[in-house]
Amino acid sequence: MNIIIRILFVLFLFSSCNWFGGGGNTDEEPDYTPSVDWKTKVDNISRWSYPFISEGFGYYPEYIQRDRKYYSRLLKINLNNGKIVWRTDDVQVEYTAQTQKIGNYLYYPLPHEDIILVYNDNNGTLAATVSLNPLESSSSRYMGPSKHTVIWNNYIFWGNRDFQSFNQGLMRFNTSLIDFSKDANEVQLIEPECVWHLNMQSSIATNIIVNNGIVYFLTTRHNFNSGTVKISYLVALNAETKYELWIRERNFGEGNIENSLILNGNRLYVIDTTPSCYNIHSGEPIFEVKEAVFNYLHVGSMLKGISWHDNKLFYTTQNASADLSFPEIDTTRVKNIICIDGNNGNLVWGDLFSTNKSNFTFPLVYNGKAYVVTDVGLRVYDAQKGELIGVNKDIKNAGNNHNLLYNNMVIFPNRVGDEEIPPYSILTAIKAD
């Protein structure tokens, strides 16, 4: 009899049943099997440069390494069936800034070269070559974008990254000045103009968005010359007249968090270490969370994007992993998948999952579900409640790519490769049901 009791006691200790309403086998997560619409093998999709969608086509920057040299090119793909339309010729450059499309032309900036390559959208051939820096011998003056760009009409906007310049601020390039009758390989010297700056101490506009002819941008708080921390500025500027509609000083946050701005209706949200919200017409705060009282609100410097759904904002942080973080982590206060209330910035729900790397992606929300493609698989949540619907660990995304939502599909690159095979990606589209 004593032996039977001991056996039952051991079974009780090692049982995964939730006897006391807590604990249990936390490694067990429901499976999720997505319906795959198409797959296409492509070269390595950059995690630094952003793809975009236009008229059912996706434009992706590809990166190739040959003979210890880096090359870049632009890929156009039909997002309805995954078929590649064209690739541009290779360019020997390590990375590019955000590509934009105006009319029938694609503008492909090469930041370190201060060059913009212009391609024909119909076949990917070179249409023009533009140099942004007429100073041929200058090695310290940079006129081109480092990463982010936006467009309005014929203009491309970006933040000036010339750290030695008095004109740190917002730059504007007029694409109508390009002469497309010239030979495509002939370099045309067209200098952009600085359309906003305060003084030498005002910093680069790192995050920029545009809507209805108004450019909204945020400047950094870090001065690259002195290293001092100062005021950051949130600015609304007329894209055509360059008239400053309003300016808001911010003595909190960092000002250099990527993709930290998002518009919805009459509200401009800033997710910059902590969330805040402003009236787009006046710049007056609707709410500001100035102190990171709740650790789950803090984002890292490489925010990939923000989704809006049902008056909620969805994003991810690089704070932590459930298994690789600091031992003293408070899992009730630290999350790496976030959903906040659009009215006040309060946490609606969050999750802390195990990841091999910091989480640089962001949720794509469709039909009441939040799809998060991470480096350890696809995670699908109920967007309203935050309940985990399921996980698919066969998906091996790099965890820091910019994924797309198009025509009821979540489209993402699965990074593949080993020591023998150079890394490549399987661009994959799954049904968002």
Protein backbone atom coordinates (compact mmCIF):
# COMPACT_ATOMS: atom_id res chain seq x y z
CA MET A 1 0.00 0.00 0.00
CA ASN A 2 2.86 2.38 0.89
CA ILE A 3 4.45 1.71 -2.52
CA ILE A 4 1.22 2.66 -4.32
CA ILE A 5 0.97 5.89 -2.33
CA ARG A 6 4.58 6.80 -3.15
CA ILE A 7 4.01 6.17 -6.87
CA LEU A 8 0.92 8.36 -6.85
CA PHE A 9 2.81 11.11 -5.01
CA VAL A 10 5.64 11.09 -7.61
CA LEU A 11 3.11 11.22 -10.43
CA PHE A 12 1.45 14.15 -8.70
CA LEU A 13 4.73 16.11 -8.43
CA PHE A 14 5.68 15.66 -12.06
CA SER A 15 2.22 16.05 -13.50
CA SER A 16 1.66 18.90 -15.98
CA CYS A 17 -1.88 19.33 -14.66
CA ASN A 18 -2.65 22.72 -13.16
CA TRP A 19 -3.59 21.40 -9.71
CA PHE A 20 -3.45 24.71 -7.87
CA GLY A 21 -4.48 27.17 -10.61
CA GLY A 22 -0.94 28.23 -11.58
CA GLY A 23 2.28 26.92 -13.07
CA GLY A 24 1.75 24.09 -15.52
CA ASN A 25 3.72 23.26 -18.63
CA THR A 26 4.37 26.74 -20.05
CA ASP A 27 6.33 25.27 -22.98
CA GLU A 28 3.14 23.90 -24.50
CA GLU A 29 1.66 26.38 -26.95
CA PRO A 30 -1.14 25.71 -29.45
CA ASP A 31 -0.04 24.97 -33.01
CA TYR A 32 -1.02 27.18 -35.91
CA THR A 33 -0.88 25.94 -39.49
CA PRO A 34 -1.14 28.78 -42.00
CA SER A 35 -2.37 28.38 -45.55
CA VAL A 36 0.52 29.22 -47.90
CA ASP A 37 -0.48 31.18 -51.02
CA TRP A 38 2.96 31.24 -52.68
CA LYS A 39 6.70 30.98 -52.12
CA THR A 40 9.51 32.55 -54.14
CA LYS A 41 13.25 32.15 -53.70
CA VAL A 42 15.06 35.50 -53.67
CA ASP A 43 18.45 36.74 -52.56
CA ASN A 44 19.00 38.03 -49.06
CA ILE A 45 16.36 40.64 -48.21
CA SER A 46 17.91 43.47 -46.26
CA ARG A 47 16.72 44.00 -42.71
CA TRP A 48 17.83 47.65 -42.92
CA SER A 49 16.08 48.83 -46.07
CA TYR A 50 12.32 48.80 -46.36
CA PRO A 51 10.17 47.25 -49.08
CA PHE A 52 6.97 48.93 -50.19
CA ILE A 53 3.76 48.13 -52.06
CA SER A 54 2.46 49.92 -55.15
CA GLU A 55 -0.43 48.78 -57.35
CA GLY A 56 -0.15 45.12 -56.36
CA PHE A 57 3.62 44.92 -56.70
CA GLY A 58 6.24 44.68 -53.98
CA TYR A 59 9.64 46.36 -54.29
CA TYR A 60 12.40 44.73 -52.26
CA PRO A 61 16.08 45.59 -51.87
CA GLU A 62 18.23 42.47 -52.34
CA TYR A 63 21.79 42.12 -51.06
CA ILE A 64 24.46 39.80 -52.42
CA GLN A 65 28.03 39.15 -51.28
CA ARG A 66 30.57 38.06 -53.89
CA ASP A 67 34.35 37.94 -53.51
CA ARG A 68 34.08 39.73 -50.15
CA LYS A 69 32.24 42.62 -51.74
CA TYR A 70 28.65 43.68 -51.16
CA TYR A 71 26.18 44.33 -53.96
CA SER A 72 22.65 45.65 -53.96
CA ARG A 73 19.77 45.63 -56.41
CA LEU A 74 16.05 46.29 -56.52
CA LEU A 75 13.52 43.50 -57.05
CA LYS A 76 9.94 43.92 -58.32
CA ILE A 77 7.56 41.07 -57.55
CA ASN A 78 3.88 40.44 -58.25
CA LEU A 79 2.38 40.12 -54.77
CA ASN A 80 -0.69 38.25 -56.03
CA ASN A 81 1.27 35.22 -57.26
CA GLY A 82 4.90 35.71 -56.15
CA LYS A 83 6.31 35.94 -59.68
CA ILE A 84 9.40 38.11 -60.15
CA VAL A 85 8.85 40.86 -62.72
CA TRP A 86 12.43 42.19 -62.95
CA ARG A 87 15.65 42.87 -61.11
CA THR A 88 17.85 45.91 -61.59
CA ASP A 89 21.56 45.56 -62.32
CA ASP A 90 23.83 45.01 -59.33
CA VAL A 91 25.39 48.04 -57.64
CA GLN A 92 28.47 47.69 -55.45
CA VAL A 93 27.18 49.20 -52.24
CA GLU A 94 26.66 47.76 -48.77
CA TYR A 95 23.19 49.17 -48.14
CA THR A 96 20.65 51.59 -49.54
CA ALA A 97 18.10 54.05 -48.19
CA GLN A 98 14.35 53.71 -48.60
CA THR A 99 13.24 53.49 -52.21
CA GLN A 100 10.35 55.67 -53.41
CA LYS A 101 8.14 55.67 -56.49
CA ILE A 102 6.97 58.84 -58.25
CA GLY A 103 5.06 58.36 -61.49
CA ASN A 104 6.77 55.69 -63.55
CA TYR A 105 10.15 56.07 -61.88
CA LEU A 106 11.76 54.43 -58.84
CA TYR A 107 14.28 56.40 -56.79
CA TYR A 108 16.96 54.19 -55.23
CA PRO A 109 19.25 56.20 -52.89
CA LEU A 110 22.85 55.11 -52.20
CA PRO A 111 23.60 56.97 -48.95
CA HIS A 112 27.38 56.68 -48.72
CA GLU A 113 27.75 57.73 -52.35
CA ASP A 114 25.26 60.63 -52.18
CA ILE A 115 23.78 59.14 -55.33
CA ILE A 116 20.17 58.45 -56.34
CA LEU A 117 19.73 55.87 -59.10
CA VAL A 118 16.46 56.27 -61.00
CA TYR A 119 14.89 53.20 -62.63
CA ASN A 120 12.04 52.68 -65.05
CA ASP A 121 9.18 50.91 -63.34
CA ASN A 122 8.12 48.97 -66.43
CA ASN A 123 11.39 47.06 -66.92
CA GLY A 124 13.86 48.01 -64.16
CA THR A 125 16.36 49.67 -66.51
CA LEU A 126 18.37 52.69 -65.43
CA ALA A 127 16.69 56.00 -66.37
CA ALA A 128 18.96 58.57 -64.69
CA THR A 129 21.88 58.97 -62.28
CA VAL A 130 21.78 61.89 -59.83
CA SER A 131 24.54 63.17 -57.57
CA LEU A 132 23.26 65.09 -54.55
CA ASN A 133 26.62 66.54 -53.59
CA PRO A 134 28.24 68.93 -56.09
CA LEU A 135 31.33 69.17 -53.87
CA GLU A 136 33.46 66.57 -55.65
CA SER A 137 36.33 66.59 -53.14
CA SER A 138 34.24 66.70 -49.96
CA SER A 139 34.44 63.65 -47.73
CA SER A 140 32.72 65.19 -44.70
CA ARG A 141 29.61 66.64 -46.29
CA TYR A 142 26.65 64.30 -46.72
CA MET A 143 23.52 65.39 -48.52
CA GLY A 144 21.71 62.09 -49.02
CA PRO A 145 19.35 60.18 -46.72
CA SER A 146 20.72 57.64 -44.28
CA LYS A 147 17.59 55.50 -44.30
CA HIS A 148 14.10 57.02 -44.21
CA THR A 149 12.45 58.99 -47.01
CA VAL A 150 8.90 60.16 -47.78
CA ILE A 151 7.36 61.67 -50.90
CA TRP A 152 4.80 64.33 -51.75
CA ASN A 153 4.04 65.18 -55.37
CA ASN A 154 7.46 65.52 -57.05
CA TYR A 155 9.40 65.92 -53.80
CA ILE A 156 11.43 63.41 -51.78
CA PHE A 157 12.04 64.38 -48.14
CA TRP A 158 14.65 63.08 -45.70
CA GLY A 159 16.65 64.12 -42.66
CA ASN A 160 20.05 65.68 -43.31
CA ARG A 161 22.81 63.45 -41.94
CA ASP A 162 25.62 65.99 -42.48
CA PHE A 163 26.88 66.20 -38.92
CA GLN A 164 29.30 69.06 -39.71
CA SER A 165 26.67 71.21 -41.38
CA PHE A 166 24.77 74.19 -40.07
CA ASN A 167 21.81 72.85 -42.00
CA GLN A 168 20.94 69.82 -39.97
CA GLY A 169 17.21 69.37 -40.32
CA LEU A 170 14.87 68.39 -43.13
CA MET A 171 15.95 68.09 -46.78
CA ARG A 172 13.80 68.22 -49.92
CA PHE A 173 14.76 66.98 -53.38
CA ASN A 174 12.79 68.11 -56.43
CA THR A 175 12.65 65.16 -58.84
CA SER A 176 11.23 67.38 -61.62
CA LEU A 177 14.72 68.87 -62.01
CA ILE A 178 16.01 65.60 -63.48
CA ASP A 179 16.54 65.67 -67.24
CA PHE A 180 15.44 62.24 -68.48
CA SER A 181 16.50 63.04 -72.04
CA LYS A 182 20.14 62.66 -71.00
CA ASP A 183 22.06 59.41 -71.07
CA ALA A 184 21.10 57.35 -68.01
CA ASN A 185 24.74 56.92 -66.97
CA GLU A 186 25.53 60.63 -67.16
CA VAL A 187 25.73 61.99 -63.62
CA GLN A 188 23.46 64.99 -63.07
CA LEU A 189 24.46 67.25 -60.18
CA ILE A 190 21.28 68.36 -58.40
CA GLU A 191 21.68 69.55 -54.82
CA PRO A 192 18.70 69.16 -52.48
CA GLU A 193 17.56 72.08 -50.34
CA CYS A 194 17.33 72.27 -46.58
CA VAL A 195 13.73 73.31 -45.95
CA TRP A 196 13.81 73.34 -42.13
CA HIS A 197 16.43 73.85 -39.46
CA LEU A 198 16.75 75.89 -36.30
CA ASN A 199 20.47 76.33 -35.81
CA MET A 200 23.65 74.30 -35.69
CA GLN A 201 22.44 72.63 -32.51
CA SER A 202 19.23 71.31 -34.08
CA SER A 203 19.56 67.68 -35.00
CA ILE A 204 18.71 65.43 -37.87
CA ALA A 205 15.06 64.66 -38.62
CA THR A 206 15.15 60.91 -38.08
CA ASN A 207 11.48 60.03 -38.44
CA ILE A 208 9.29 61.54 -41.15
CA ILE A 209 5.77 60.90 -42.41
CA VAL A 210 3.56 62.90 -44.79
CA ASN A 211 -0.19 63.28 -45.15
CA ASN A 212 -2.34 65.72 -47.15
CA GLY A 213 0.63 67.87 -48.06
CA ILE A 214 1.92 68.15 -44.49
CA VAL A 215 5.27 66.67 -43.46
CA TYR A 216 5.54 65.60 -39.82
CA PHE A 217 8.95 64.82 -38.41
CA LEU A 218 10.83 64.30 -35.16
CA THR A 219 14.40 65.35 -34.44
CA THR A 220 16.94 63.62 -32.21
CA ARG A 221 17.93 64.78 -28.76
CA HIS A 222 21.54 63.79 -29.27
CA ASN A 223 24.03 66.30 -30.67
CA PHE A 224 26.59 64.47 -32.80
CA ASN A 225 29.21 67.18 -32.37
CA SER A 226 29.15 67.59 -28.61
CA GLY A 227 27.35 64.47 -27.45
CA THR A 228 25.04 66.54 -25.27
CA VAL A 229 21.38 65.72 -24.77
CA LYS A 230 19.00 68.54 -25.61
CA ILE A 231 15.48 69.30 -26.73
CA SER A 232 13.81 67.21 -29.43
CA TYR A 233 11.36 68.86 -31.81
CA LEU A 234 8.16 67.49 -33.30
CA VAL A 235 7.32 69.61 -36.33
CA ALA A 236 4.52 69.98 -38.90
CA LEU A 237 5.61 71.61 -42.17
CA ASN A 238 3.77 72.45 -45.38
CA ALA A 239 5.43 70.24 -48.01
CA GLU A 240 5.01 72.75 -50.82
CA THR A 241 5.46 76.18 -49.21
CA LYS A 242 7.86 75.06 -46.46
CA TYR A 243 5.72 77.00 -43.95
CA GLU A 244 6.03 75.72 -40.38
CA LEU A 245 2.51 75.01 -39.11
CA TRP A 246 3.55 74.20 -35.57
CA ILE A 247 6.49 72.98 -33.51
CA ARG A 248 6.42 71.07 -30.24
CA GLU A 249 9.40 70.82 -27.87
CA ARG A 250 9.99 67.44 -26.26
CA ASN A 251 12.44 67.05 -23.38
CA PHE A 252 11.85 63.31 -23.08
CA GLY A 253 12.40 60.29 -25.28
CA GLU A 254 15.34 59.86 -27.62
CA GLY A 255 14.10 61.23 -30.93
CA ASN A 256 15.96 58.61 -32.96
CA ILE A 257 13.71 55.57 -32.59
CA GLU A 258 13.05 54.20 -36.08
CA ASN A 259 9.49 54.26 -37.48
CA SER A 260 8.19 55.93 -34.33
CA LEU A 261 5.49 58.08 -35.99
CA ILE A 262 2.02 56.98 -37.06
CA LEU A 263 -1.05 59.01 -38.06
CA ASN A 264 -4.68 58.12 -37.48
CA GLY A 265 -7.43 60.65 -38.09
CA ASN A 266 -6.57 63.89 -36.29
CA ARG A 267 -3.97 62.23 -34.11
CA LEU A 268 -0.22 61.92 -34.50
CA TYR A 269 1.26 59.17 -32.33
CA VAL A 270 4.90 59.02 -31.29
CA ILE A 271 6.23 55.73 -29.93
CA ASP A 272 9.64 56.97 -28.79
CA THR A 273 10.74 54.93 -25.75
CA THR A 274 7.31 55.84 -24.34
CA PRO A 275 4.04 56.61 -26.17
CA SER A 276 2.58 60.07 -26.72
CA CYS A 277 -0.11 61.57 -28.92
CA TYR A 278 -0.69 65.02 -30.46
CA ASN A 279 -3.37 66.92 -32.35
CA ILE A 280 -2.20 67.13 -35.98
CA HIS A 281 -3.65 70.62 -36.45
CA SER A 282 -2.12 72.32 -33.41
CA GLY A 283 0.56 70.03 -32.02
CA GLU A 284 -1.13 70.15 -28.62
CA PRO A 285 -0.60 66.98 -26.57
CA ILE A 286 -3.52 64.60 -26.19
CA PHE A 287 -1.41 62.48 -23.83
CA GLU A 288 2.28 62.14 -23.03
CA VAL A 289 3.91 59.35 -21.05
CA LYS A 290 7.20 61.04 -20.17
CA GLU A 291 8.61 58.48 -17.77
CA ALA A 292 9.05 54.78 -18.47
CA VAL A 293 7.13 53.85 -15.35
CA PHE A 294 5.97 50.65 -16.98
CA ASN A 295 8.84 48.76 -18.58
CA TYR A 296 6.57 47.16 -21.14
CA LEU A 297 6.06 50.54 -22.85
CA HIS A 298 9.74 51.10 -23.59
CA VAL A 299 10.90 50.39 -27.13
CA GLY A 300 14.42 50.00 -28.44
CA SER A 301 16.09 52.00 -31.19
CA MET A 302 15.14 49.64 -34.03
CA LEU A 303 11.35 49.72 -34.06
CA LYS A 304 10.27 48.30 -37.43
CA GLY A 305 6.77 49.71 -37.47
CA ILE A 306 3.41 50.21 -35.78
CA SER A 307 0.02 48.80 -36.72
CA TRP A 308 -3.33 50.48 -35.99
CA HIS A 309 -6.53 48.51 -35.43
CA ASP A 310 -9.72 49.22 -33.48
CA ASN A 311 -8.29 52.28 -31.69
CA LYS A 312 -5.25 50.30 -30.60
CA LEU A 313 -1.58 50.47 -31.52
CA PHE A 314 0.45 47.30 -31.96
CA TYR A 315 4.24 47.11 -31.94
CA THR A 316 7.12 45.05 -30.60
CA THR A 317 10.06 45.93 -28.41
CA GLN A 318 13.62 44.68 -28.14
CA ASN A 319 13.47 44.70 -24.37
CA ALA A 320 13.73 41.07 -23.55
CA SER A 321 13.20 37.40 -24.23
CA ALA A 322 11.38 35.07 -21.89
CA ASP A 323 14.42 32.80 -21.64
CA LEU A 324 17.48 34.88 -22.54
CA SER A 325 16.84 38.00 -20.48
CA PHE A 326 18.20 39.10 -17.17
CA PRO A 327 17.37 36.62 -14.40
CA GLU A 328 15.65 39.30 -12.33
CA ILE A 329 13.21 40.22 -15.09
CA ASP A 330 9.64 40.85 -13.90
CA THR A 331 7.59 39.06 -16.55
CA THR A 332 4.43 40.83 -15.37
CA ARG A 333 5.93 44.21 -16.29
CA VAL A 334 8.15 43.50 -19.29
CA LYS A 335 6.70 42.47 -22.65
CA ASN A 336 8.10 42.20 -26.17
CA ILE A 337 4.76 42.21 -28.02
CA ILE A 338 2.66 45.23 -27.15
CA CYS A 339 -0.90 46.47 -27.64
CA ILE A 340 -1.76 49.89 -26.17
CA ASP A 341 -4.92 51.99 -25.96
CA GLY A 342 -5.02 54.76 -28.58
CA ASN A 343 -6.75 57.13 -26.16
CA ASN A 344 -4.21 57.17 -23.35
CA GLY A 345 -1.24 54.90 -24.15
CA ASN A 346 -2.14 52.39 -21.46
CA LEU A 347 -1.31 48.74 -21.96
CA VAL A 348 -4.22 46.67 -23.29
CA TRP A 349 -2.29 43.41 -23.52
CA GLY A 350 1.24 42.16 -23.98
CA ASP A 351 3.23 38.98 -24.31
CA LEU A 352 6.78 37.95 -23.50
CA PHE A 353 7.94 35.07 -25.68
CA SER A 354 11.23 33.24 -26.08
CA THR A 355 13.42 34.63 -28.85
CA ASN A 356 17.00 34.00 -29.87
CA LYS A 357 17.47 37.66 -30.78
CA SER A 358 15.96 40.99 -29.91
CA ASN A 359 12.53 41.34 -31.47
CA PHE A 360 12.67 43.96 -34.24
CA THR A 361 9.48 43.09 -36.13
CA PHE A 362 5.94 44.39 -35.65
CA PRO A 363 2.45 42.82 -35.63
CA LEU A 364 0.34 42.87 -38.79
CA VAL A 365 -3.34 43.04 -37.83
CA TYR A 366 -6.14 41.70 -40.04
CA ASN A 367 -9.66 40.45 -39.36
CA GLY A 368 -9.24 40.61 -35.59
CA LYS A 369 -5.94 38.72 -35.51
CA ALA A 370 -2.40 39.96 -34.92
CA TYR A 371 0.29 38.13 -36.91
CA VAL A 372 3.83 38.43 -35.58
CA VAL A 373 6.62 36.85 -37.65
CA THR A 374 9.64 36.39 -35.38
CA ASP A 375 13.00 34.65 -35.49
CA VAL A 376 11.47 31.63 -33.71
CA GLY A 377 8.29 31.31 -35.71
CA LEU A 378 4.91 32.84 -36.47
CA ARG A 379 2.77 33.86 -33.49
CA VAL A 380 -0.93 34.62 -33.98
CA TYR A 381 -3.01 36.44 -31.35
CA ASP A 382 -6.56 37.57 -30.81
CA ALA A 383 -6.00 41.29 -31.46
CA GLN A 384 -8.70 42.34 -29.01
CA LYS A 385 -7.83 40.18 -26.00
CA GLY A 386 -4.23 39.18 -26.64
CA GLU A 387 -5.00 35.48 -26.32
CA LEU A 388 -2.50 33.31 -28.18
CA ILE A 389 -4.28 31.53 -31.03
CA GLY A 390 -1.29 29.51 -32.13
CA VAL A 391 2.38 29.26 -33.07
CA ASN A 392 4.15 27.87 -36.12
CA LYS A 393 7.84 27.29 -35.39
CA ASP A 394 8.67 26.08 -38.90
CA ILE A 395 8.83 29.69 -40.04
CA LYS A 396 12.44 30.88 -39.64
CA ASN A 397 12.33 34.60 -40.20
CA ALA A 398 15.38 36.67 -39.28
CA GLY A 399 13.18 38.43 -36.75
CA ASN A 400 14.12 41.88 -37.97
CA ASN A 401 12.68 42.07 -41.48
CA HIS A 402 9.93 44.44 -42.55
CA ASN A 403 6.91 42.27 -43.32
CA LEU A 404 3.97 43.30 -45.49
CA LEU A 405 0.20 42.92 -45.35
CA TYR A 406 -1.47 42.81 -48.78
CA ASN A 407 -4.74 41.45 -50.14
CA ASN A 408 -5.46 39.30 -47.06
CA MET A 409 -1.90 37.94 -47.08
CA VAL A 410 0.99 38.28 -44.63
CA ILE A 411 4.16 38.40 -46.74
CA PHE A 412 7.56 37.86 -45.16
CA PRO A 413 11.06 36.60 -46.05
CA ASN A 414 12.25 33.33 -44.50
CA ARG A 415 16.00 33.53 -44.20
CA VAL A 416 17.84 30.33 -45.26
CA GLY A 417 21.49 29.34 -45.61
CA ASP A 418 24.42 27.56 -44.00
CA GLU A 419 28.22 27.64 -44.16
CA GLU A 420 28.26 26.17 -47.65
CA ILE A 421 25.34 28.15 -49.07
CA PRO A 422 25.24 31.99 -48.96
CA PRO A 423 22.15 33.18 -47.08
CA TYR A 424 19.06 33.65 -49.19
CA SER A 425 15.38 34.17 -48.49
CA ILE A 426 12.17 32.38 -49.34
CA LEU A 427 9.65 35.16 -49.78
CA THR A 428 6.45 33.63 -48.43
CA ALA A 429 2.81 34.68 -48.50
CA ILE A 430 0.37 33.10 -46.07
CA LYS A 431 -3.38 33.66 -45.87
CA ALA A 432 -4.52 36.00 -43.11
CA ASP A 433 -7.80 34.31 -42.26
